[in-house]
Amino acid sequence: MSIEEKREHTEKIIEKLRKYKDLEFATKTGQELWREKLDFQIVFYQRLKRQIEISEI
């Protein structure tokens, strides 16, 4: 997988994770936990994407 493909792949994952944040749950607590975990993953993939971009230099 090329660096560009890796960058595009991480962008797609970040977009999907952001869409998942709109899902409704039966309980407020469940929704808060879900969003908290998604935020963690979004930050992870944003950092990974940044690392991939740096490796292009």
Protein backbone atom coordinates (compact mmCIF):
# COMPACT_ATOMS: atom_id res chain seq x y z
CA MET A 1 0.00 0.00 0.00
CA SER A 2 1.47 3.36 -1.00
CA ILE A 3 1.70 6.28 1.39
CA GLU A 4 -1.08 8.07 -0.48
CA GLU A 5 -3.33 5.01 -0.20
CA LYS A 6 -2.62 4.79 3.53
CA ARG A 7 -3.48 8.47 3.97
CA GLU A 8 -6.73 8.08 2.03
CA HIS A 9 -7.61 4.96 4.00
CA THR A 10 -7.16 6.74 7.33
CA GLU A 11 -9.27 9.67 6.06
CA LYS A 12 -12.09 7.26 5.19
CA ILE A 13 -11.92 5.66 8.63
CA ILE A 14 -12.07 9.06 10.34
CA GLU A 15 -15.11 10.01 8.24
CA LYS A 16 -16.90 6.76 9.16
CA LEU A 17 -16.15 7.19 12.85
CA ARG A 18 -17.55 10.73 12.77
CA LYS A 19 -20.76 9.44 11.17
CA TYR A 20 -21.09 6.79 13.88
CA LYS A 21 -21.22 9.55 16.49
CA ASP A 22 -24.72 10.42 15.20
CA LEU A 23 -26.15 7.03 16.18
CA GLU A 24 -28.83 7.16 18.86
CA PHE A 25 -28.73 4.83 21.85
CA ALA A 26 -31.47 3.81 24.26
CA THR A 27 -29.70 5.41 27.21
CA LYS A 28 -27.80 8.65 27.65
CA THR A 29 -24.98 6.79 29.42
CA GLY A 30 -24.62 4.33 26.56
CA GLN A 31 -24.46 7.17 24.07
CA GLU A 32 -21.84 9.03 26.11
CA LEU A 33 -19.66 5.92 26.40
CA TRP A 34 -20.01 5.25 22.66
CA ARG A 35 -18.99 8.79 21.76
CA GLU A 36 -16.10 8.72 24.20
CA LYS A 37 -14.71 5.58 22.57
CA LEU A 38 -15.24 7.01 19.10
CA ASP A 39 -13.42 10.21 20.07
CA PHE A 40 -10.48 8.11 21.24
CA GLN A 41 -10.36 6.26 17.92
CA ILE A 42 -10.73 9.47 15.91
CA VAL A 43 -7.75 11.00 17.71
CA PHE A 44 -5.77 7.79 17.12
CA TYR A 45 -6.42 7.85 13.37
CA GLN A 46 -5.78 11.58 13.12
CA ARG A 47 -2.37 11.02 14.71
CA LEU A 48 -1.71 8.06 12.44
CA LYS A 49 -2.65 10.16 9.42
CA ARG A 50 -0.28 12.89 10.57
CA GLN A 51 2.51 10.35 10.99
CA ILE A 52 1.86 9.06 7.46
CA GLU A 53 1.95 12.62 6.08
CA ILE A 54 5.26 13.28 7.84
CA SER A 55 6.76 10.14 6.34
CA GLU A 56 6.11 11.58 2.87
CA ILE A 57 8.62 14.38 3.50
